[in-house]
Amino acid sequence: MALRFRRSLKIAPGIRLNLGSKSASVRVGGRAAGISAGTSGTRISGGIPGTGLSVTKKLAAKSAKAEARELNRKGFGVLSWIGAVIVLICIAAVLATVGF
């Protein structure tokens, strides 16, 4: 039998800290779309609330520039960069409060 642990804390509107037994992440965005950065990598996701339909894409570290260019062509460039900056600020704030 496996024991699982998961805790999600709301830091600010649209910003959540997710803690698990083996990983941690910060998510910026709502139910419809968002970006998540954590110990298992960075993911961008979107969905239609209430329908169960969603899509998630893992952003590979070696091709992050290519992903950024593709998202920029689709009109998501500014949103993803703002989200990434907010995620980094949140991670720094959480680490500062924990005492790292």
PDB file of N, CA and C in Angstrom:
ATOM      1  N   MET A   1       0.846  -1.181   0.000  1.00  0.00           N
ATOM      2  CA  MET A   1       0.000   0.000   0.000  1.00  0.00           C
ATOM      3  C   MET A   1       0.891   1.243   0.000  1.00  0.00           C
ATOM      4  N   ALA A   2       0.597   2.161  -0.885  1.00  0.00           N
ATOM      5  CA  ALA A   2       1.385   3.387  -0.997  1.00  0.00           C
ATOM      6  C   ALA A   2       0.720   4.516  -0.229  1.00  0.00           C
ATOM      7  N   LEU A   3       1.523   5.276   0.468  1.00  0.00           N
ATOM      8  CA  LEU A   3       1.037   6.439   1.208  1.00  0.00           C
ATOM      9  C   LEU A   3       1.354   7.679   0.388  1.00  0.00           C
ATOM     10  N   ARG A   4       0.352   8.502   0.141  1.00  0.00           N
ATOM     11  CA  ARG A   4       0.538   9.712  -0.669  1.00  0.00           C
ATOM     12  C   ARG A   4       0.263  10.941   0.181  1.00  0.00           C
ATOM     13  N   PHE A   5       0.967  12.021  -0.153  1.00  0.00           N
ATOM     14  CA  PHE A   5       0.758  13.303   0.515  1.00  0.00           C
ATOM     15  C   PHE A   5       0.702  14.387  -0.543  1.00  0.00           C
ATOM     16  N   ARG A   6      -0.287  15.263  -0.449  1.00  0.00           N
ATOM     17  CA  ARG A   6      -0.391  16.408  -1.350  1.00  0.00           C
ATOM     18  C   ARG A   6      -1.076  17.533  -0.606  1.00  0.00           C
ATOM     19  N   ARG A   7      -0.497  18.723  -0.710  1.00  0.00           N
ATOM     20  CA  ARG A   7      -1.065  19.902  -0.072  1.00  0.00           C
ATOM     21  C   ARG A   7      -0.937  21.068  -1.036  1.00  0.00           C
ATOM     22  N   SER A   8      -2.002  21.838  -1.200  1.00  0.00           N
ATOM     23  CA  SER A   8      -2.012  22.996  -2.073  1.00  0.00           C
ATOM     24  C   SER A   8      -2.353  24.224  -1.243  1.00  0.00           C
ATOM     25  N   LEU A   9      -1.500  25.233  -1.300  1.00  0.00           N
ATOM     26  CA  LEU A   9      -1.682  26.455  -0.529  1.00  0.00           C
ATOM     27  C   LEU A   9      -1.850  27.648  -1.458  1.00  0.00           C
ATOM     28  N   LYS A  10      -2.862  28.458  -1.206  1.00  0.00           N
ATOM     29  CA  LYS A  10      -3.083  29.659  -2.006  1.00  0.00           C
ATOM     30  C   LYS A  10      -2.192  30.773  -1.436  1.00  0.00           C
ATOM     31  N   ILE A  11      -1.245  31.247  -2.250  1.00  0.00           N
ATOM     32  CA  ILE A  11      -0.329  32.313  -1.831  1.00  0.00           C
ATOM     33  C   ILE A  11      -0.968  33.671  -2.071  1.00  0.00           C
ATOM     34  N   ALA A  12      -1.540  33.844  -3.241  1.00  0.00           N
ATOM     35  CA  ALA A  12      -2.204  35.081  -3.654  1.00  0.00           C
ATOM     36  C   ALA A  12      -3.224  34.693  -4.727  1.00  0.00           C
ATOM     37  N   PRO A  13      -4.103  35.609  -5.114  1.00  0.00           N
ATOM     38  CA  PRO A  13      -5.049  35.265  -6.176  1.00  0.00           C
ATOM     39  C   PRO A  13      -4.317  34.838  -7.459  1.00  0.00           C
ATOM     40  N   GLY A  14      -4.599  33.642  -7.902  1.00  0.00           N
ATOM     41  CA  GLY A  14      -3.974  33.131  -9.123  1.00  0.00           C
ATOM     42  C   GLY A  14      -2.630  32.483  -8.915  1.00  0.00           C
ATOM     43  N   ILE A  15      -2.143  32.366  -7.661  1.00  0.00           N
ATOM     44  CA  ILE A  15      -0.834  31.775  -7.382  1.00  0.00           C
ATOM     45  C   ILE A  15      -1.001  30.713  -6.290  1.00  0.00           C
ATOM     46  N   ARG A  16      -0.580  29.477  -6.608  1.00  0.00           N
ATOM     47  CA  ARG A  16      -0.699  28.375  -5.660  1.00  0.00           C
ATOM     48  C   ARG A  16       0.647  27.685  -5.478  1.00  0.00           C
ATOM     49  N   LEU A  17       0.918  27.259  -4.256  1.00  0.00           N
ATOM     50  CA  LEU A  17       2.092  26.456  -3.936  1.00  0.00           C
ATOM     51  C   LEU A  17       1.600  25.040  -3.704  1.00  0.00           C
ATOM     52  N   ASN A  18       2.095  24.084  -4.487  1.00  0.00           N
ATOM     53  CA  ASN A  18       1.689  22.691  -4.382  1.00  0.00           C
ATOM     54  C   ASN A  18       2.840  21.887  -3.795  1.00  0.00           C
ATOM     55  N   LEU A  19       2.561  21.170  -2.711  1.00  0.00           N
ATOM     56  CA  LEU A  19       3.574  20.366  -2.049  1.00  0.00           C
ATOM     57  C   LEU A  19       3.155  18.911  -2.072  1.00  0.00           C
ATOM     58  N   GLY A  20       4.087  18.048  -2.411  1.00  0.00           N
ATOM     59  CA  GLY A  20       3.848  16.609  -2.410  1.00  0.00           C
ATOM     60  C   GLY A  20       4.955  15.922  -1.637  1.00  0.00           C
ATOM     61  N   SER A  21       4.835  14.616  -1.467  1.00  0.00           N
ATOM     62  CA  SER A  21       5.857  13.890  -0.713  1.00  0.00           C
ATOM     63  C   SER A  21       7.180  13.820  -1.475  1.00  0.00           C
ATOM     64  N   LYS A  22       7.142  13.917  -2.802  1.00  0.00           N
ATOM     65  CA  LYS A  22       8.374  13.841  -3.594  1.00  0.00           C
ATOM     66  C   LYS A  22       8.647  15.067  -4.445  1.00  0.00           C
ATOM     67  N   SER A  23       7.740  16.043  -4.449  1.00  0.00           N
ATOM     68  CA  SER A  23       7.934  17.201  -5.322  1.00  0.00           C
ATOM     69  C   SER A  23       7.226  18.431  -4.772  1.00  0.00           C
ATOM     70  N   ALA A  24       7.553  19.570  -5.362  1.00  0.00           N
ATOM     71  CA  ALA A  24       6.912  20.846  -5.030  1.00  0.00           C
ATOM     72  C   ALA A  24       6.847  21.684  -6.297  1.00  0.00           C
ATOM     73  N   SER A  25       5.832  22.543  -6.386  1.00  0.00           N
ATOM     74  CA  SER A  25       5.703  23.397  -7.558  1.00  0.00           C
ATOM     75  C   SER A  25       4.927  24.654  -7.213  1.00  0.00           C
ATOM     76  N   VAL A  26       5.060  25.648  -8.081  1.00  0.00           N
ATOM     77  CA  VAL A  26       4.303  26.885  -7.981  1.00  0.00           C
ATOM     78  C   VAL A  26       3.524  27.025  -9.273  1.00  0.00           C
ATOM     79  N   ARG A  27       2.215  27.294  -9.158  1.00  0.00           N
ATOM     80  CA  ARG A  27       1.357  27.452 -10.326  1.00  0.00           C
ATOM     81  C   ARG A  27       0.827  28.870 -10.372  1.00  0.00           C
ATOM     82  N   VAL A  28       0.924  29.477 -11.543  1.00  0.00           N
ATOM     83  CA  VAL A  28       0.393  30.813 -11.769  1.00  0.00           C
ATOM     84  C   VAL A  28      -0.688  30.695 -12.824  1.00  0.00           C
ATOM     85  N   GLY A  29      -1.880  31.144 -12.492  1.00  0.00           N
ATOM     86  CA  GLY A  29      -3.000  31.069 -13.416  1.00  0.00           C
ATOM     87  C   GLY A  29      -4.207  30.457 -12.747  1.00  0.00           C
ATOM     88  N   GLY A  30      -5.296  30.465 -13.454  1.00  0.00           N
ATOM     89  CA  GLY A  30      -6.535  29.924 -12.912  1.00  0.00           C
ATOM     90  C   GLY A  30      -6.830  28.540 -13.443  1.00  0.00           C
ATOM     91  N   ARG A  31      -8.116  28.179 -13.418  1.00  0.00           N
ATOM     92  CA  ARG A  31      -8.525  26.863 -13.893  1.00  0.00           C
ATOM     93  C   ARG A  31      -8.438  26.766 -15.403  1.00  0.00           C
ATOM     94  N   ALA A  32      -8.621  27.873 -16.108  1.00  0.00           N
ATOM     95  CA  ALA A  32      -8.654  27.839 -17.574  1.00  0.00           C
ATOM     96  C   ALA A  32      -7.263  27.721 -18.190  1.00  0.00           C
ATOM     97  N   ALA A  33      -6.257  28.371 -17.625  1.00  0.00           N
ATOM     98  CA  ALA A  33      -4.906  28.327 -18.190  1.00  0.00           C
ATOM     99  C   ALA A  33      -3.896  28.711 -17.123  1.00  0.00           C
ATOM    100  N   GLY A  34      -2.688  28.176 -17.251  1.00  0.00           N
ATOM    101  CA  GLY A  34      -1.661  28.528 -16.286  1.00  0.00           C
ATOM    102  C   GLY A  34      -0.324  27.915 -16.634  1.00  0.00           C
ATOM    103  N   ILE A  35       0.670  28.302 -15.856  1.00  0.00           N
ATOM    104  CA  ILE A  35       2.018  27.777 -16.012  1.00  0.00           C
ATOM    105  C   ILE A  35       2.484  27.321 -14.641  1.00  0.00           C
ATOM    106  N   SER A  36       3.157  26.182 -14.616  1.00  0.00           N
ATOM    107  CA  SER A  36       3.597  25.588 -13.371  1.00  0.00           C
ATOM    108  C   SER A  36       5.084  25.282 -13.472  1.00  0.00           C
ATOM    109  N   ALA A  37       5.834  25.670 -12.455  1.00  0.00           N
ATOM    110  CA  ALA A  37       7.262  25.383 -12.411  1.00  0.00           C
ATOM    111  C   ALA A  37       7.556  24.681 -11.099  1.00  0.00           C
ATOM    112  N   GLY A  38       8.252  23.563 -11.189  1.00  0.00           N
ATOM    113  CA  GLY A  38       8.542  22.807  -9.983  1.00  0.00           C
ATOM    114  C   GLY A  38       9.709  21.873 -10.156  1.00  0.00           C
ATOM    115  N   THR A  39       9.821  20.935  -9.215  1.00  0.00           N
ATOM    116  CA  THR A  39      10.950  20.026  -9.207  1.00  0.00           C
ATOM    117  C   THR A  39      10.921  19.046 -10.376  1.00  0.00           C
ATOM    118  N   SER A  40       9.772  18.814 -10.968  1.00  0.00           N
ATOM    119  CA  SER A  40       9.687  17.890 -12.105  1.00  0.00           C
ATOM    120  C   SER A  40       9.666  18.609 -13.452  1.00  0.00           C
ATOM    121  N   GLY A  41       9.931  19.909 -13.456  1.00  0.00           N
ATOM    122  CA  GLY A  41       9.986  20.650 -14.705  1.00  0.00           C
ATOM    123  C   GLY A  41       8.940  21.746 -14.791  1.00  0.00           C
ATOM    124  N   THR A  42       8.866  22.357 -15.956  1.00  0.00           N
ATOM    125  CA  THR A  42       7.916  23.441 -16.197  1.00  0.00           C
ATOM    126  C   THR A  42       6.847  22.958 -17.169  1.00  0.00           C
ATOM    127  N   ARG A  43       5.599  23.248 -16.833  1.00  0.00           N
ATOM    128  CA  ARG A  43       4.481  22.825 -17.677  1.00  0.00           C
ATOM    129  C   ARG A  43       3.556  24.001 -17.920  1.00  0.00           C
ATOM    130  N   ILE A  44       2.954  24.015 -19.101  1.00  0.00           N
ATOM    131  CA  ILE A  44       1.946  25.002 -19.435  1.00  0.00           C
ATOM    132  C   ILE A  44       0.668  24.222 -19.721  1.00  0.00           C
ATOM    133  N   SER A  45      -0.460  24.712 -19.205  1.00  0.00           N
ATOM    134  CA  SER A  45      -1.697  23.953 -19.359  1.00  0.00           C
ATOM    135  C   SER A  45      -2.871  24.882 -19.614  1.00  0.00           C
ATOM    136  N   GLY A  46      -3.885  24.316 -20.206  1.00  0.00           N
ATOM    137  CA  GLY A  46      -5.108  25.054 -20.470  1.00  0.00           C
ATOM    138  C   GLY A  46      -6.274  24.093 -20.551  1.00  0.00           C
ATOM    139  N   GLY A  47      -7.460  24.603 -20.272  1.00  0.00           N
ATOM    140  CA  GLY A  47      -8.626  23.733 -20.315  1.00  0.00           C
ATOM    141  C   GLY A  47      -9.909  24.530 -20.322  1.00  0.00           C
ATOM    142  N   ILE A  48     -11.003  23.816 -20.433  1.00  0.00           N
ATOM    143  CA  ILE A  48     -12.326  24.421 -20.391  1.00  0.00           C
ATOM    144  C   ILE A  48     -12.966  23.991 -19.074  1.00  0.00           C
ATOM    145  N   PRO A  49     -13.096  24.922 -18.112  1.00  0.00           N
ATOM    146  CA  PRO A  49     -13.636  24.552 -16.804  1.00  0.00           C
ATOM    147  C   PRO A  49     -15.027  23.929 -16.901  1.00  0.00           C
ATOM    148  N   GLY A  50     -15.235  22.890 -16.113  1.00  0.00           N
ATOM    149  CA  GLY A  50     -16.530  22.240 -16.054  1.00  0.00           C
ATOM    150  C   GLY A  50     -16.756  21.153 -17.079  1.00  0.00           C
ATOM    151  N   THR A  51     -15.849  21.005 -18.049  1.00  0.00           N
ATOM    152  CA  THR A  51     -16.037  20.007 -19.095  1.00  0.00           C
ATOM    153  C   THR A  51     -15.136  18.792 -18.924  1.00  0.00           C
ATOM    154  N   GLY A  52     -14.061  18.932 -18.182  1.00  0.00           N
ATOM    155  CA  GLY A  52     -13.090  17.853 -18.066  1.00  0.00           C
ATOM    156  C   GLY A  52     -12.082  17.831 -19.193  1.00  0.00           C
ATOM    157  N   LEU A  53     -12.175  18.772 -20.136  1.00  0.00           N
ATOM    158  CA  LEU A  53     -11.244  18.843 -21.261  1.00  0.00           C
ATOM    159  C   LEU A  53     -10.078  19.757 -20.908  1.00  0.00           C
ATOM    160  N   SER A  54      -8.864  19.232 -21.048  1.00  0.00           N
ATOM    161  CA  SER A  54      -7.678  20.045 -20.774  1.00  0.00           C
ATOM    162  C   SER A  54      -6.499  19.491 -21.552  1.00  0.00           C
ATOM    163  N   VAL A  55      -5.466  20.301 -21.642  1.00  0.00           N
ATOM    164  CA  VAL A  55      -4.230  19.899 -22.306  1.00  0.00           C
ATOM    165  C   VAL A  55      -3.057  20.438 -21.478  1.00  0.00           C
ATOM    166  N   THR A  56      -2.006  19.635 -21.374  1.00  0.00           N
ATOM    167  CA  THR A  56      -0.812  20.016 -20.635  1.00  0.00           C
ATOM    168  C   THR A  56       0.391  19.706 -21.502  1.00  0.00           C
ATOM    169  N   LYS A  57       1.342  20.632 -21.526  1.00  0.00           N
ATOM    170  CA  LYS A  57       2.561  20.428 -22.312  1.00  0.00           C
ATOM    171  C   LYS A  57       3.761  20.721 -21.433  1.00  0.00           C
ATOM    172  N   LYS A  58       4.684  19.772 -21.382  1.00  0.00           N
ATOM    173  CA  LYS A  58       5.913  19.959 -20.616  1.00  0.00           C
ATOM    174  C   LYS A  58       6.904  20.723 -21.469  1.00  0.00           C
ATOM    175  N   LEU A  59       7.468  21.764 -20.895  1.00  0.00           N
ATOM    176  CA  LEU A  59       8.472  22.554 -21.598  1.00  0.00           C
ATOM    177  C   LEU A  59       9.838  21.965 -21.286  1.00  0.00           C
ATOM    178  N   ALA A  60      10.487  21.404 -22.298  1.00  0.00           N
ATOM    179  CA  ALA A  60      11.799  20.802 -22.114  1.00  0.00           C
ATOM    180  C   ALA A  60      12.841  21.895 -21.925  1.00  0.00           C
ATOM    181  N   ALA A  61      13.796  21.657 -21.047  1.00  0.00           N
ATOM    182  CA  ALA A  61      14.820  22.654 -20.741  1.00  0.00           C
ATOM    183  C   ALA A  61      15.684  22.972 -21.967  1.00  0.00           C
ATOM    184  N   LYS A  62      16.046  21.956 -22.754  1.00  0.00           N
ATOM    185  CA  LYS A  62      16.933  22.211 -23.886  1.00  0.00           C
ATOM    186  C   LYS A  62      16.237  22.894 -25.053  1.00  0.00           C
ATOM    187  N   SER A  63      14.903  22.816 -25.114  1.00  0.00           N
ATOM    188  CA  SER A  63      14.215  23.461 -26.218  1.00  0.00           C
ATOM    189  C   SER A  63      13.278  24.578 -25.736  1.00  0.00           C
ATOM    190  N   ALA A  64      13.587  25.167 -24.594  1.00  0.00           N
ATOM    191  CA  ALA A  64      12.734  26.220 -24.052  1.00  0.00           C
ATOM    192  C   ALA A  64      12.680  27.428 -24.986  1.00  0.00           C
ATOM    193  N   LYS A  65      13.797  27.739 -25.644  1.00  0.00           N
ATOM    194  CA  LYS A  65      13.800  28.865 -26.580  1.00  0.00           C
ATOM    195  C   LYS A  65      12.894  28.583 -27.770  1.00  0.00           C
ATOM    196  N   ALA A  66      12.925  27.347 -28.257  1.00  0.00           N
ATOM    197  CA  ALA A  66      12.062  26.982 -29.378  1.00  0.00           C
ATOM    198  C   ALA A  66      10.595  27.030 -28.958  1.00  0.00           C
ATOM    199  N   GLU A  67      10.304  26.560 -27.737  1.00  0.00           N
ATOM    200  CA  GLU A  67       8.930  26.619 -27.237  1.00  0.00           C
ATOM    201  C   GLU A  67       8.478  28.064 -27.089  1.00  0.00           C
ATOM    202  N   ALA A  68       9.365  28.928 -26.595  1.00  0.00           N
ATOM    203  CA  ALA A  68       9.021  30.341 -26.420  1.00  0.00           C
ATOM    204  C   ALA A  68       8.730  30.986 -27.773  1.00  0.00           C
ATOM    205  N   ARG A  69       9.528  30.647 -28.786  1.00  0.00           N
ATOM    206  CA  ARG A  69       9.277  31.184 -30.127  1.00  0.00           C
ATOM    207  C   ARG A  69       7.932  30.711 -30.664  1.00  0.00           C
ATOM    208  N   GLU A  70       7.629  29.426 -30.461  1.00  0.00           N
ATOM    209  CA  GLU A  70       6.359  28.882 -30.938  1.00  0.00           C
ATOM    210  C   GLU A  70       5.177  29.535 -30.217  1.00  0.00           C
ATOM    211  N   LEU A  71       5.293  29.681 -28.898  1.00  0.00           N
ATOM    212  CA  LEU A  71       4.229  30.327 -28.132  1.00  0.00           C
ATOM    213  C   LEU A  71       4.090  31.792 -28.535  1.00  0.00           C
ATOM    214  N   ASN A  72       5.207  32.442 -28.825  1.00  0.00           N
ATOM    215  CA  ASN A  72       5.186  33.843 -29.234  1.00  0.00           C
ATOM    216  C   ASN A  72       4.435  33.990 -30.555  1.00  0.00           C
ATOM    217  N   ARG A  73       4.658  33.060 -31.488  1.00  0.00           N
ATOM    218  CA  ARG A  73       3.948  33.097 -32.760  1.00  0.00           C
ATOM    219  C   ARG A  73       2.450  32.898 -32.570  1.00  0.00           C
ATOM    220  N   LYS A  74       2.079  32.117 -31.557  1.00  0.00           N
ATOM    221  CA  LYS A  74       0.667  31.857 -31.293  1.00  0.00           C
ATOM    222  C   LYS A  74       0.028  32.943 -30.424  1.00  0.00           C
ATOM    223  N   GLY A  75       0.818  33.902 -29.953  1.00  0.00           N
ATOM    224  CA  GLY A  75       0.266  34.990 -29.156  1.00  0.00           C
ATOM    225  C   GLY A  75       0.353  34.781 -27.662  1.00  0.00           C
ATOM    226  N   PHE A  76       1.049  33.721 -27.201  1.00  0.00           N
ATOM    227  CA  PHE A  76       1.161  33.447 -25.778  1.00  0.00           C
ATOM    228  C   PHE A  76       2.500  33.894 -25.204  1.00  0.00           C
ATOM    229  N   GLY A  77       3.352  34.501 -26.000  1.00  0.00           N
ATOM    230  CA  GLY A  77       4.697  34.851 -25.557  1.00  0.00           C
ATOM    231  C   GLY A  77       4.721  35.755 -24.348  1.00  0.00           C
ATOM    232  N   VAL A  78       3.975  36.836 -24.390  1.00  0.00           N
ATOM    233  CA  VAL A  78       3.975  37.794 -23.286  1.00  0.00           C
ATOM    234  C   VAL A  78       3.422  37.147 -22.025  1.00  0.00           C
ATOM    235  N   LEU A  79       2.339  36.377 -22.163  1.00  0.00           N
ATOM    236  CA  LEU A  79       1.743  35.731 -21.001  1.00  0.00           C
ATOM    237  C   LEU A  79       2.690  34.725 -20.369  1.00  0.00           C
ATOM    238  N   SER A  80       3.375  33.935 -21.181  1.00  0.00           N
ATOM    239  CA  SER A  80       4.263  32.933 -20.613  1.00  0.00           C
ATOM    240  C   SER A  80       5.470  33.573 -19.936  1.00  0.00           C
ATOM    241  N   TRP A  81       5.999  34.666 -20.493  1.00  0.00           N
ATOM    242  CA  TRP A  81       7.135  35.326 -19.852  1.00  0.00           C
ATOM    243  C   TRP A  81       6.721  36.004 -18.559  1.00  0.00           C
ATOM    244  N   ILE A  82       5.553  36.632 -18.548  1.00  0.00           N
ATOM    245  CA  ILE A  82       5.063  37.243 -17.313  1.00  0.00           C
ATOM    246  C   ILE A  82       4.828  36.156 -16.269  1.00  0.00           C
ATOM    247  N   GLY A  83       4.239  35.046 -16.687  1.00  0.00           N
ATOM    248  CA  GLY A  83       4.006  33.932 -15.776  1.00  0.00           C
ATOM    249  C   GLY A  83       5.302  33.365 -15.224  1.00  0.00           C
ATOM    250  N   ALA A  84       6.309  33.230 -16.076  1.00  0.00           N
ATOM    251  CA  ALA A  84       7.597  32.707 -15.630  1.00  0.00           C
ATOM    252  C   ALA A  84       8.253  33.639 -14.611  1.00  0.00           C
ATOM    253  N   VAL A  85       8.162  34.932 -14.842  1.00  0.00           N
ATOM    254  CA  VAL A  85       8.736  35.902 -13.900  1.00  0.00           C
ATOM    255  C   VAL A  85       8.000  35.841 -12.560  1.00  0.00           C
ATOM    256  N   ILE A  86       6.674  35.738 -12.607  1.00  0.00           N
ATOM    257  CA  ILE A  86       5.894  35.644 -11.376  1.00  0.00           C
ATOM    258  C   ILE A  86       6.238  34.362 -10.624  1.00  0.00           C
ATOM    259  N   VAL A  87       6.406  33.262 -11.349  1.00  0.00           N
ATOM    260  CA  VAL A  87       6.776  31.995 -10.713  1.00  0.00           C
ATOM    261  C   VAL A  87       8.120  32.122 -10.017  1.00  0.00           C
ATOM    262  N   LEU A  88       9.090  32.719 -10.682  1.00  0.00           N
ATOM    263  CA  LEU A  88      10.410  32.887 -10.068  1.00  0.00           C
ATOM    264  C   LEU A  88      10.341  33.772  -8.832  1.00  0.00           C
ATOM    265  N   ILE A  89       9.550  34.826  -8.869  1.00  0.00           N
ATOM    266  CA  ILE A  89       9.392  35.692  -7.706  1.00  0.00           C
ATOM    267  C   ILE A  89       8.748  34.927  -6.553  1.00  0.00           C
ATOM    268  N   CYS A  90       7.740  34.114  -6.862  1.00  0.00           N
ATOM    269  CA  CYS A  90       7.066  33.323  -5.821  1.00  0.00           C
ATOM    270  C   CYS A  90       8.005  32.300  -5.208  1.00  0.00           C
ATOM    271  N   ILE A  91       8.789  31.637  -6.041  1.00  0.00           N
ATOM    272  CA  ILE A  91       9.742  30.653  -5.521  1.00  0.00           C
ATOM    273  C   ILE A  91      10.744  31.338  -4.606  1.00  0.00           C
ATOM    274  N   ALA A  92      11.236  32.510  -5.014  1.00  0.00           N
ATOM    275  CA  ALA A  92      12.195  33.250  -4.188  1.00  0.00           C
ATOM    276  C   ALA A  92      11.551  33.671  -2.859  1.00  0.00           C
ATOM    277  N   ALA A  93      10.290  34.104  -2.896  1.00  0.00           N
ATOM    278  CA  ALA A  93       9.601  34.523  -1.675  1.00  0.00           C
ATOM    279  C   ALA A  93       9.388  33.338  -0.741  1.00  0.00           C
ATOM    280  N   VAL A  94       9.011  32.189  -1.292  1.00  0.00           N
ATOM    281  CA  VAL A  94       8.797  31.004  -0.464  1.00  0.00           C
ATOM    282  C   VAL A  94      10.116  30.548   0.153  1.00  0.00           C
ATOM    283  N   LEU A  95      11.189  30.531  -0.633  1.00  0.00           N
ATOM    284  CA  LEU A  95      12.488  30.143  -0.098  1.00  0.00           C
ATOM    285  C   LEU A  95      12.972  31.116   0.972  1.00  0.00           C
ATOM    286  N   ALA A  96      12.663  32.402   0.797  1.00  0.00           N
ATOM    287  CA  ALA A  96      13.076  33.392   1.790  1.00  0.00           C
ATOM    288  C   ALA A  96      12.322  33.195   3.104  1.00  0.00           C
ATOM    289  N   THR A  97      11.034  32.844   3.031  1.00  0.00           N
ATOM    290  CA  THR A  97      10.263  32.651   4.251  1.00  0.00           C
ATOM    291  C   THR A  97      10.632  31.338   4.944  1.00  0.00           C
ATOM    292  N   VAL A  98      11.046  30.334   4.172  1.00  0.00           N
ATOM    293  CA  VAL A  98      11.448  29.066   4.766  1.00  0.00           C
ATOM    294  C   VAL A  98      12.826  29.192   5.416  1.00  0.00           C
ATOM    295  N   GLY A  99      13.663  30.044   4.875  1.00  0.00           N
ATOM    296  CA  GLY A  99      14.970  30.304   5.462  1.00  0.00           C
ATOM    297  C   GLY A  99      16.141  29.742   4.682  1.00  0.00           C
ATOM    298  N   PHE A 100      15.957  29.543   3.382  1.00  0.00           N
ATOM    299  CA  PHE A 100      17.070  29.044   2.557  1.00  0.00           C
ATOM    300  C   PHE A 100      18.017  30.134   2.206  1.00  0.00           C
TER     301      PHE A 100
END
